[in-house]
C-alpha cells in the first residue's frame, strides 16, 4: 500500500444545495475515532453546498464504551440531529454477563476468556446477529423514512460498526430506489482482527457473510478506510462487485484541532500512548527496552498511557519502570488527548497481535502525524501502517519480538532531541486532513 491514492486529482464538487442523511449509532456525546469521522465530515460538507442531517440514538438509551461530551461543542450549527429511542439488546447482554460496562473492541480488560465467558460470547454472537445494537434499527428506519420524505433527501449514508446499521440502508434503498446510498465501513466486518474471539459457528459466519454481501452489492457506493479492506471486498465477492464501486477514504485529522498555543514538552523524554490497549497489544518488548535504557544507559524516559489500558500492562510497566516513570490516565476529552500528544517526545502506536492485523490502521495514527512527533509503531513491519509511516517519514513500524530494535530507535530519537530540541517530522500529512478527505468523499456522489 502507498499513500499515493490520496494524491489523485479529485473531481470538482458542485455548490448546489444537496441533502445527505447520515445514519450513525455513534454520535456525541459518544467518544472515540468512529464518532470523529462523521462529525468532521459534516463540519466541512456545507463548504461544498451539502446539507447534512444526522439520525442517531437517544444518548440516554445508548450503549457507548466511551463518552466525550466535549465533542458536542464541535457539532456544526448547520447540522440537524434527530435522535430516536431503542430497545437495547446490550442490556440483556450485561445482565447475562454480570458486567457493568459495554465491552471495548478487542475485549480490553476482559483478559483471557474463561470457559463461561467463551460460552457467553458464543450466545452474544449467535443471538444478536449481526450485533447487540440491532434493536435500534426499527426505530431508526421509521424516523429515516419520515426525514427522507420531509426533507426530500438526495443521499443517505450508513456507517458501521455496529454493522446492523447497514441493514437500515438496505431497507431504505428498497423503499426509495432513486436515492443514492453509500455504505461506509469504518471497520472490517468479516475480517476484523478479534473475529476469532467471538466464537462464531460455521452457520453464524455464513449468515454474517451473506448480510455483508447484500450490503456491498446493493449499495450504490461503498467506502472503507484501508486498501486492504477494499481488496477483501473485491476478493470475497468476486464477479459481484468491481473495484470502481469501492473508494478508500482513510481516517484523518482536523487541522483546527492543532491550531493555537501548544503546551511545552515535558521535562523528561516521554513516550505516550493514547486510546485502547488490550492484552494482545504486545508492548512487553517496549517496556523492557525503556527499562534497560533507564537502568543501563542511565536515562530518564517516562511512559504515559491515556485511555483504557488493560491491567496486564499497567502492572508490568509499573513493576519494571517504577511508579515515577509511569503515568496512567483514564480516557480524557479529545482536546486533552491532543494536548498530551504535544507534551510528548515520542508517540507509541500498537497494532494487536491477531489475524488480519496488517490491515488495521488505528485512527490515532493521523493525529499522531499531525502533532509532528516521531512515532514508534509495534506491529507488522509490512502492513498498511508501516507503508503510511514510510511514505510520510513520520516514524517506524517494528515487528513483535524485537526489543533491541525498539531500544535502538528510542535512543536514536532521544539523541536527536538532545541535539535538535525543535526537531519535527512528517511530510505530506495534509493529504489526511479532514477538509481534504471531505472533498474526496463528496466527489464520489458527483
Protein backbone atom coordinates (compact mmCIF):
# COMPACT_ATOMS: atom_id res chain seq x y z
CA UNK A 1 0.00 0.00 0.00
CA UNK A 2 1.10 3.55 -0.66
CA UNK A 3 -0.32 6.90 0.29
CA UNK A 4 -0.40 7.81 -3.40
CA UNK A 5 -4.14 7.16 -3.63
CA UNK A 6 -4.61 10.40 -1.70
CA UNK A 7 -2.66 12.37 -4.27
CA UNK A 8 -5.05 11.53 -7.08
CA UNK A 9 -6.88 14.50 -8.51
CA UNK A 10 -10.34 14.89 -7.02
CA UNK A 11 -13.27 15.97 -9.16
CA UNK A 12 -14.80 19.36 -8.50
CA UNK A 13 -17.89 19.29 -6.29
CA UNK A 14 -20.79 21.47 -7.34
CA UNK A 15 -22.07 24.10 -4.95
CA UNK A 16 -25.77 23.35 -5.39
CA UNK A 17 -27.63 22.52 -2.19
CA UNK A 18 -27.79 18.75 -1.78
CA UNK A 19 -29.11 16.93 1.27
CA UNK A 20 -27.41 13.95 2.91
CA UNK A 21 -28.92 11.83 5.67
CA UNK A 22 -26.17 10.15 7.73
CA UNK A 23 -27.34 7.24 9.87
CA UNK A 24 -24.88 6.51 12.66
CA UNK A 25 -25.23 4.84 16.03
CA UNK A 26 -22.22 6.73 17.40
CA UNK A 27 -22.54 10.49 17.73
CA UNK A 28 -21.57 12.91 20.53
CA UNK A 29 -21.66 12.51 23.48
CA UNK A 30 -20.16 9.18 22.39
CA UNK A 31 -16.38 9.38 22.12
CA UNK A 32 -13.71 7.74 20.02
CA UNK A 33 -12.37 7.92 16.44
CA UNK A 34 -15.51 6.40 14.93
CA UNK A 35 -17.51 9.39 16.15
CA UNK A 36 -14.99 11.91 14.89
CA UNK A 37 -15.02 10.55 11.33
CA UNK A 38 -18.54 11.76 10.51
CA UNK A 39 -18.51 14.61 13.00
CA UNK A 40 -15.65 16.10 10.96
CA UNK A 41 -17.13 15.22 7.56
CA UNK A 42 -20.33 17.07 8.43
CA UNK A 43 -18.31 20.05 9.61
CA UNK A 44 -16.90 20.60 6.12
CA UNK A 45 -19.84 19.46 3.97
CA UNK A 46 -21.58 22.88 3.92
CA UNK A 47 -18.46 24.37 2.28
CA UNK A 48 -19.36 22.27 -0.76
CA UNK A 49 -23.06 23.05 -0.82
CA UNK A 50 -24.20 19.92 1.02
CA UNK A 51 -26.63 19.99 3.95
CA UNK A 52 -26.05 17.10 6.39
CA UNK A 53 -28.76 15.56 8.58
CA UNK A 54 -27.80 13.13 11.35
CA UNK A 55 -30.00 10.26 12.52
CA UNK A 56 -28.70 8.68 15.71
CA UNK A 57 -29.77 7.16 19.00
CA UNK A 58 -31.01 8.87 22.16
CA UNK A 59 -27.83 9.18 24.20
CA UNK A 60 -29.72 8.30 27.39
CA UNK A 61 -30.55 4.88 25.95
CA UNK A 62 -27.30 4.18 24.11
CA UNK A 63 -24.53 1.68 24.87
CA UNK A 64 -21.31 3.66 24.45
CA UNK A 65 -17.95 2.22 25.56
CA UNK A 66 -16.57 5.80 25.70
CA UNK A 67 -18.24 9.14 26.36
CA UNK A 68 -16.81 12.52 25.43
CA UNK A 69 -19.29 15.34 25.96
CA UNK A 70 -16.75 17.89 24.75
CA UNK A 71 -17.34 16.65 21.19
CA UNK A 72 -20.86 18.10 21.35
CA UNK A 73 -19.23 21.53 21.05
CA UNK A 74 -17.86 20.50 17.64
CA UNK A 75 -21.23 19.74 16.03
CA UNK A 76 -21.71 22.22 13.22
CA UNK A 77 -24.72 24.54 13.71
CA UNK A 78 -25.71 23.66 10.14
CA UNK A 79 -26.23 20.01 11.10
CA UNK A 80 -29.70 18.96 12.18
CA UNK A 81 -29.63 15.99 14.54
CA UNK A 82 -32.52 13.57 15.05
CA UNK A 83 -32.48 11.03 17.89
CA UNK A 84 -34.69 8.02 18.43
CA UNK A 85 -35.33 5.54 21.19
CA UNK A 86 -34.17 1.94 21.03
CA UNK A 87 -34.58 -1.46 22.56
CA UNK A 88 -31.01 -2.06 23.67
CA UNK A 89 -30.11 -5.74 23.48
CA UNK A 90 -26.83 -4.94 25.22
CA UNK A 91 -28.82 -4.50 28.43
CA UNK A 92 -29.65 -8.20 28.24
CA UNK A 93 -26.01 -9.00 27.50
CA UNK A 94 -24.90 -7.09 30.60
CA UNK A 95 -27.43 -8.93 32.74
CA UNK A 96 -26.23 -12.31 31.43
CA UNK A 97 -22.54 -11.49 31.95
CA UNK A 98 -22.93 -9.56 35.18
CA UNK A 99 -20.67 -6.84 33.76
CA UNK A 100 -21.28 -3.15 34.43
CA UNK A 101 -19.92 -1.68 31.21
CA UNK A 102 -20.20 -2.33 27.49
CA UNK A 103 -17.07 -4.14 26.21
CA UNK A 104 -14.49 -2.31 24.12
CA UNK A 105 -13.47 -3.62 20.74
CA UNK A 106 -10.73 -6.18 21.16
CA UNK A 107 -12.08 -7.03 24.64
CA UNK A 108 -9.78 -4.72 26.57
CA UNK A 109 -9.86 -5.51 30.30
CA UNK A 110 -11.66 -8.80 29.68
CA UNK A 111 -8.41 -10.76 29.62
CA UNK A 112 -8.19 -14.41 28.64
CA UNK A 113 -11.70 -15.74 28.39
CA UNK A 114 -12.75 -18.46 30.81
CA UNK A 115 -14.98 -21.32 29.67
CA UNK A 116 -18.09 -19.50 30.93
CA UNK A 117 -17.05 -16.25 29.21
CA UNK A 118 -16.48 -18.12 25.94
CA UNK A 119 -19.99 -19.51 26.27
CA UNK A 120 -21.38 -16.02 26.86
CA UNK A 121 -19.57 -14.70 23.80
CA UNK A 122 -21.00 -17.58 21.79
CA UNK A 123 -24.52 -16.66 22.93
CA UNK A 124 -23.86 -12.99 22.14
CA UNK A 125 -22.60 -13.87 18.67
CA UNK A 126 -25.48 -16.16 17.75
CA UNK A 127 -28.41 -14.49 19.49
CA UNK A 128 -27.54 -10.93 18.44
CA UNK A 129 -26.92 -11.16 14.69
CA UNK A 130 -25.27 -9.11 13.35
CA UNK A 131 -24.69 -7.37 16.70
CA UNK A 132 -26.39 -6.47 20.01
CA UNK A 133 -27.31 -2.96 18.83
CA UNK A 134 -29.73 -4.12 16.14
CA UNK A 135 -32.62 -3.24 18.49
CA UNK A 136 -32.20 0.36 17.29
CA UNK A 137 -32.98 -0.46 13.66
CA UNK A 138 -36.78 -0.42 13.63
CA UNK A 139 -36.89 2.96 15.38
CA UNK A 140 -34.20 4.40 13.12
CA UNK A 141 -35.90 3.07 9.97
CA UNK A 142 -39.22 4.66 10.87
CA UNK A 143 -37.57 8.02 11.55
CA UNK A 144 -35.40 7.84 8.44
CA UNK A 145 -38.46 7.39 6.22
CA UNK A 146 -40.04 10.44 7.84
CA UNK A 147 -36.89 12.58 7.35
CA UNK A 148 -36.42 11.50 3.74
CA UNK A 149 -39.96 12.45 2.82
CA UNK A 150 -39.99 15.67 4.81
CA UNK A 151 -36.58 16.98 3.71
CA UNK A 152 -36.52 15.42 0.22
CA UNK A 153 -33.20 13.76 0.94
CA UNK A 154 -30.99 13.06 -2.07
CA UNK A 155 -28.34 10.84 -0.49
CA UNK A 156 -28.11 8.53 2.51
CA UNK A 157 -25.05 7.22 4.32
CA UNK A 158 -24.95 4.30 6.72
CA UNK A 159 -21.75 3.94 8.72
CA UNK A 160 -20.63 0.95 10.77
CA UNK A 161 -19.85 -0.59 13.16
CA UNK A 162 -22.29 -1.52 14.51
CA UNK A 163 -22.84 -3.34 11.24
CA UNK A 164 -26.54 -3.71 11.97
CA UNK A 165 -26.78 -0.05 10.93
CA UNK A 166 -26.06 -1.11 7.34
CA UNK A 167 -29.32 -3.09 7.31
CA UNK A 168 -31.22 0.20 7.70
CA UNK A 169 -29.69 1.40 4.43
CA UNK A 170 -30.61 -1.86 2.77
CA UNK A 171 -34.29 -1.37 3.62
CA UNK A 172 -34.29 2.32 2.73
CA UNK A 173 -32.81 1.59 -0.70
CA UNK A 174 -35.68 -0.83 -1.33
CA UNK A 175 -38.26 1.77 -0.26
CA UNK A 176 -36.58 4.69 -2.08
CA UNK A 177 -34.75 3.15 -5.07
CA UNK A 178 -33.89 6.54 -6.59
CA UNK A 179 -31.85 7.63 -3.55
CA UNK A 180 -28.06 7.22 -3.73
CA UNK A 181 -26.93 5.05 -0.83
CA UNK A 182 -23.34 4.98 0.43
CA UNK A 183 -22.28 2.24 2.88
CA UNK A 184 -19.27 3.30 4.97
CA UNK A 185 -17.24 0.59 6.73
CA UNK A 186 -15.04 2.13 9.42
CA UNK A 187 -14.00 -1.39 10.47
CA UNK A 188 -13.89 -4.69 8.70
CA UNK A 189 -16.97 -6.87 9.23
CA UNK A 190 -15.82 -10.39 8.37
CA UNK A 191 -12.06 -9.83 8.63
CA UNK A 192 -11.85 -7.85 11.89
CA UNK A 193 -8.82 -8.83 13.97
CA UNK A 194 -10.81 -10.04 17.01
CA UNK A 195 -13.22 -12.16 14.96
CA UNK A 196 -11.88 -15.43 16.40
CA UNK A 197 -12.67 -14.27 19.93
CA UNK A 198 -16.38 -14.11 19.10
CA UNK A 199 -16.71 -17.91 18.80
CA UNK A 200 -18.66 -17.92 15.54
CA UNK A 201 -20.01 -21.22 14.29
CA UNK A 202 -19.87 -22.11 10.59
CA UNK A 203 -23.51 -21.12 10.18
CA UNK A 204 -23.07 -17.86 12.06
CA UNK A 205 -20.10 -16.90 9.88
CA UNK A 206 -22.11 -17.79 6.79
CA UNK A 207 -25.01 -15.58 7.85
CA UNK A 208 -22.73 -12.62 8.59
CA UNK A 209 -21.09 -13.02 5.21
CA UNK A 210 -24.44 -13.19 3.42
CA UNK A 211 -25.58 -9.99 5.17
CA UNK A 212 -22.37 -8.19 4.22
CA UNK A 213 -22.72 -9.37 0.62
CA UNK A 214 -26.21 -7.89 0.39
CA UNK A 215 -24.88 -4.56 1.62
CA UNK A 216 -21.89 -4.21 -0.68
CA UNK A 217 -23.78 -5.50 -3.73
CA UNK A 218 -26.91 -3.35 -3.32
CA UNK A 219 -25.33 -0.13 -2.06
CA UNK A 220 -24.64 2.44 -4.77
CA UNK A 221 -21.27 3.33 -3.27
CA UNK A 222 -19.04 1.59 -0.73
CA UNK A 223 -16.26 3.31 1.18
CA UNK A 224 -13.78 1.90 3.64
CA UNK A 225 -10.63 3.10 5.38
CA UNK A 226 -7.83 0.86 4.05
CA UNK A 227 -6.73 -0.55 0.71
CA UNK A 228 -6.51 -3.99 2.32
CA UNK A 229 -10.20 -3.94 3.26
CA UNK A 230 -11.11 -2.77 -0.23
CA UNK A 231 -9.20 -5.74 -1.63
CA UNK A 232 -11.00 -8.05 0.82
CA UNK A 233 -14.36 -6.91 -0.58
CA UNK A 234 -13.22 -7.45 -4.16
CA UNK A 235 -11.82 -10.89 -3.40
CA UNK A 236 -14.75 -12.04 -1.24
CA UNK A 237 -17.40 -11.00 -3.76
CA UNK A 238 -15.53 -11.52 -7.00
CA UNK A 239 -17.82 -11.22 -10.00
CA UNK A 240 -20.49 -9.42 -7.96
CA UNK A 241 -18.74 -6.07 -7.39
CA UNK A 242 -15.87 -4.21 -9.00
CA UNK A 243 -13.12 -2.08 -7.59
CA UNK A 244 -14.68 1.04 -9.13
CA UNK A 245 -17.58 0.77 -6.70
CA UNK A 246 -15.34 0.94 -3.62
CA UNK A 247 -13.40 4.03 -2.55
CA UNK A 248 -10.79 4.17 0.19
CA UNK A 249 -11.15 7.24 2.41
CA UNK A 250 -8.97 6.84 5.49
CA UNK A 251 -9.50 8.49 8.82
CA UNK A 252 -7.64 11.73 9.32
CA UNK A 253 -7.08 14.77 11.48
CA UNK A 254 -8.79 18.14 11.70
CA UNK A 255 -6.30 20.96 11.29
CA UNK A 256 -8.44 23.17 13.55
CA UNK A 257 -7.67 20.80 16.44
CA UNK A 258 -3.96 21.54 16.08
CA UNK A 259 -4.08 25.34 15.93
CA UNK A 260 -3.42 27.77 18.75
CA UNK A 261 -0.91 27.77 21.56
CA UNK A 262 0.64 24.41 22.29
CA UNK A 263 1.76 23.12 25.70
CA UNK A 264 5.51 22.79 26.28
CA UNK A 265 7.30 19.47 26.08
CA UNK A 266 7.62 17.52 29.30
CA UNK A 267 10.92 17.81 31.14
CA UNK A 268 11.69 14.09 30.84
CA UNK A 269 11.66 12.36 27.46
CA UNK A 270 8.13 10.92 27.38
CA UNK A 271 6.61 8.16 25.27
CA UNK A 272 2.82 8.46 25.09
CA UNK A 273 0.13 6.02 24.03
CA UNK A 274 -3.50 7.17 23.72
CA UNK A 275 -6.62 5.05 23.30
CA UNK A 276 -7.41 1.43 24.00
CA UNK A 277 -4.69 -1.10 24.87
CA UNK A 278 -5.79 -4.73 25.29
CA UNK A 279 -3.78 -7.79 26.29
CA UNK A 280 -2.93 -8.66 22.68
CA UNK A 281 -1.43 -5.21 22.01
CA UNK A 282 2.01 -6.52 22.79
CA UNK A 283 4.20 -3.89 24.42
CA UNK A 284 6.30 -6.23 26.60
CA UNK A 285 9.37 -5.54 24.47
CA UNK A 286 8.86 -1.79 24.58
CA UNK A 287 8.59 -1.81 28.37
CA UNK A 288 11.73 -3.97 28.53
CA UNK A 289 13.58 -1.59 26.18
CA UNK A 290 12.66 1.51 28.22
CA UNK A 291 13.62 -0.30 31.43
CA UNK A 292 17.07 -1.17 30.04
CA UNK A 293 17.65 2.37 28.77
CA UNK A 294 16.78 3.84 32.15
CA UNK A 295 18.73 1.27 34.12
CA UNK A 296 21.81 0.65 31.95
CA UNK A 297 22.08 3.88 29.94
CA UNK A 298 21.08 5.97 32.99
CA UNK A 299 18.47 7.90 31.01
CA UNK A 300 15.14 9.12 32.34
CA UNK A 301 12.42 8.07 29.92
CA UNK A 302 8.80 8.09 31.02
CA UNK A 303 5.88 6.00 29.71
CA UNK A 304 2.44 7.61 29.61
CA UNK A 305 -0.85 5.82 28.88
CA UNK A 306 -4.04 7.78 28.28
CA UNK A 307 -7.21 5.73 27.80
CA UNK A 308 -8.43 2.22 28.54
CA UNK A 309 -5.32 0.22 29.41
CA UNK A 310 -5.54 -3.44 30.37
CA UNK A 311 -4.42 -4.41 33.85
CA UNK A 312 -1.65 -6.62 32.49
CA UNK A 313 0.37 -3.76 31.03
CA UNK A 314 -0.41 -1.33 33.81
CA UNK A 315 1.15 -3.78 36.26
CA UNK A 316 4.08 -4.71 34.03
CA UNK A 317 5.04 -1.10 33.33
CA UNK A 318 4.91 -0.12 36.99
CA UNK A 319 6.84 -3.22 38.03
CA UNK A 320 9.70 -2.74 35.54
CA UNK A 321 9.92 1.06 35.45
CA UNK A 322 8.67 2.15 38.86
CA UNK A 323 5.77 4.43 39.64
CA UNK A 324 7.74 7.64 38.97
CA UNK A 325 8.40 6.73 35.33
CA UNK A 326 4.85 5.61 34.50
CA UNK A 327 1.74 7.76 34.11
CA UNK A 328 -1.68 6.21 33.58
CA UNK A 329 -4.77 8.31 32.89
CA UNK A 330 -8.36 7.26 32.31
CA UNK A 331 -9.96 8.35 29.00
CA UNK A 332 -9.91 12.12 28.57
CA UNK A 333 -11.62 14.53 26.19
CA UNK A 334 -10.41 14.73 22.61
CA UNK A 335 -8.78 18.13 23.15
CA UNK A 336 -6.99 16.92 26.29
CA UNK A 337 -5.74 13.89 24.38
CA UNK A 338 -4.19 16.17 21.74
CA UNK A 339 -2.50 18.21 24.46
CA UNK A 340 -0.83 15.04 25.71
CA UNK A 341 0.50 14.44 22.19
CA UNK A 342 2.11 17.89 22.10
CA UNK A 343 3.70 17.39 25.53
CA UNK A 344 5.30 14.12 24.41
CA UNK A 345 8.60 13.43 22.64
CA UNK A 346 7.66 10.05 21.16
CA UNK A 347 4.22 8.67 20.28
CA UNK A 348 3.56 4.96 20.60
CA UNK A 349 1.34 3.14 18.11
CA UNK A 350 0.49 -0.56 18.55
CA UNK A 351 -1.37 -3.00 16.34
CA UNK A 352 -2.93 -6.04 18.02
CA UNK A 353 -1.15 -9.35 17.61
CA UNK A 354 -4.02 -11.08 15.82
CA UNK A 355 -5.08 -12.36 12.39
CA UNK A 356 -5.53 -9.69 9.69
CA UNK A 357 -3.69 -7.09 11.80
CA UNK A 358 -1.60 -5.89 8.86
CA UNK A 359 -4.70 -4.11 7.55
CA UNK A 360 -5.52 -2.34 10.83
CA UNK A 361 -4.89 1.42 10.73
CA UNK A 362 -5.65 2.98 14.15
CA UNK A 363 -7.48 6.28 13.83
CA UNK A 364 -4.98 7.86 16.23
CA UNK A 365 -2.22 7.48 13.61
CA UNK A 366 -3.26 10.60 11.71
CA UNK A 367 -3.44 12.81 14.78
CA UNK A 368 -0.06 11.46 15.84
CA UNK A 369 1.33 12.61 12.49
CA UNK A 370 -0.40 15.99 12.74
CA UNK A 371 1.22 16.51 16.16
CA UNK A 372 4.63 16.33 14.44
CA UNK A 373 6.14 13.92 16.93
CA UNK A 374 8.21 10.86 15.92
CA UNK A 375 6.17 7.65 16.03
CA UNK A 376 7.32 4.23 17.13
CA UNK A 377 4.90 1.57 15.96
CA UNK A 378 4.80 -2.04 17.14
CA UNK A 379 3.21 -4.50 14.73
CA UNK A 380 3.55 -5.87 11.19
CA UNK A 381 6.58 -4.31 9.50
CA UNK A 382 4.96 -4.83 6.08
CA UNK A 383 1.42 -3.69 6.89
CA UNK A 384 -0.68 -0.67 5.92
CA UNK A 385 0.53 1.41 8.88
CA UNK A 386 4.17 0.73 8.00
CA UNK A 387 3.57 1.97 4.45
CA UNK A 388 1.99 5.23 5.65
CA UNK A 389 4.79 5.86 8.15
CA UNK A 390 7.38 5.27 5.46
CA UNK A 391 5.63 7.46 2.86
CA UNK A 392 5.20 10.36 5.30
CA UNK A 393 8.52 9.84 7.13
CA UNK A 394 6.54 10.08 10.36
CA UNK A 395 8.08 7.12 12.14
CA UNK A 396 8.92 3.44 12.05
CA UNK A 397 6.96 0.22 12.47
CA UNK A 398 8.86 -2.51 14.33
CA UNK A 399 7.69 -6.10 14.36
CA UNK A 400 6.96 -8.00 17.56
CA UNK A 401 9.77 -9.77 19.46
CA UNK A 402 12.38 -7.14 18.64
CA UNK A 403 13.34 -5.32 21.87
CA UNK A 404 16.83 -4.43 20.63
CA UNK A 405 15.47 -2.62 17.56
CA UNK A 406 12.92 -0.81 19.73
CA UNK A 407 15.69 0.19 22.12
CA UNK A 408 17.87 1.46 19.27
CA UNK A 409 15.01 3.53 17.82
CA UNK A 410 14.19 5.10 21.19
CA UNK A 411 17.85 6.01 21.73
CA UNK A 412 18.11 7.45 18.21
CA UNK A 413 15.12 9.72 18.83
CA UNK A 414 16.39 10.55 22.34
CA UNK A 415 19.75 11.70 20.94
CA UNK A 416 18.06 13.70 18.20
CA UNK A 417 16.06 15.61 20.78
CA UNK A 418 19.18 16.37 22.77
CA UNK A 419 20.93 17.72 19.65
CA UNK A 420 17.92 19.26 17.90
CA UNK A 421 15.25 20.14 20.52
CA UNK A 422 12.84 21.56 17.92
CA UNK A 423 13.06 18.56 15.60
CA UNK A 424 9.78 17.72 13.83
CA UNK A 425 8.89 15.03 11.32
CA UNK A 426 6.22 14.10 8.79
CA UNK A 427 5.65 15.15 5.20
CA UNK A 428 2.51 15.06 3.06
CA UNK A 429 0.39 14.88 6.20
CA UNK A 430 -2.02 17.43 4.69
CA UNK A 431 -3.43 14.71 2.45
CA UNK A 432 -5.04 13.26 5.58
CA UNK A 433 -6.74 16.48 6.66
CA UNK A 434 -10.47 16.19 7.31
CA UNK A 435 -11.18 19.08 4.93
CA UNK A 436 -9.42 17.38 2.04
CA UNK A 437 -10.94 13.98 2.84
CA UNK A 438 -14.43 15.53 2.90
CA UNK A 439 -13.82 16.94 -0.58
CA UNK A 440 -12.86 13.50 -1.81
CA UNK A 441 -15.90 11.95 -0.12
CA UNK A 442 -18.33 14.34 -1.79
CA UNK A 443 -16.70 13.92 -5.18
CA UNK A 444 -17.90 10.31 -5.11
CA UNK A 445 -21.51 11.48 -5.09
CA UNK A 446 -20.72 13.72 -8.06
